[in-house]
Amino acid sequence: MAMLARGAWLRVKRRRSTPVRMVKEGYFFGLPLLALGGLGFLLHWYFTAAVLVFLALFVFSFFRDPDRVIPAEPEAIVSPADGRVVVVTDEENAGRPGQRVSIFLAIWNVHVNRAPASGTIAKMDYRPGKFLAAMRERASFENEQNVFTLATESGEMVFKQIAGLIARRVVSWKKAGEQVMRGERIGLVRFGSRVDVWLPKGAEILVKVGENVKGGASVIARWPAKSSQRQTAGKSAADLEASLMETGKRS
């Protein structure tokens, strides 16, 4: 019993000793609210001050950026974001048959987005649009979004950052021509949103509607590499993936 208690205490201590990162935008939005809340307490406007401090804490929580353990399986496609799977459907893209997985991010989810696979960003399009509720099916086609075309060892796939009713800005930290690793941080969408992943025929979708997923950690599909590219890929990418899996980080 003593050993079990000690093990539980060590796990709690380890979690507490691991700092949770925060995206820099969190300071930009949260610190002014915290300062105004402190001023409110000094002026004895206690209710207003409490509301402002609560909002500041919410903002800090919203922009949290925890590290994740990235799966090392070469065929794995990971979720680009935290959230709940709301759509799994057959869908053509540029005349190619495939499947789309849509994930809804509630305001309490981590909103840092991650690359679903390793590869090169062959194309990135910003598409202005509406701000429909991200739960709605039309949001995938009509809302403001960043569309990434990612060239991988298996072929080209597409994933999107989609703004919602509350999320009014999609932010990408990458541009066309850059290489990314599976699970690497690539951007965020502010205050509730949606991400879509489209994979061509041949990929095996592993998630179902209603499942909760973690960005960079949950495997949502398996997509075998093309045989010719698998032979020439070499060991460097696999070695790097394994190293990053151990640290659980993508810089």
Foldseek 3Di string as FASTA:
>chain_A
DVVVVVVVVVVVVVVVVDDWAFDPVLCVPQVVLQVVLVVCVVVVVPVSSVVSNVVSVLSRQQRTDGFAQFDLPQQFFAFFAWAFWADWAWDDDPNFTWIKIKGWDASNTHFFTFGRAWAFQQAKDWDDFDAAAQNDPCQVPGFTKIKTWGQDLAGTKIKIWTHHNPFDDWFFPDGGGDTHHQLAGTTGTPHITMMMIIDGPQKAADDDGGDTHHRSHHGGIGGDGDPVSVVVVDCPNSVVSVVCSVVSHHD
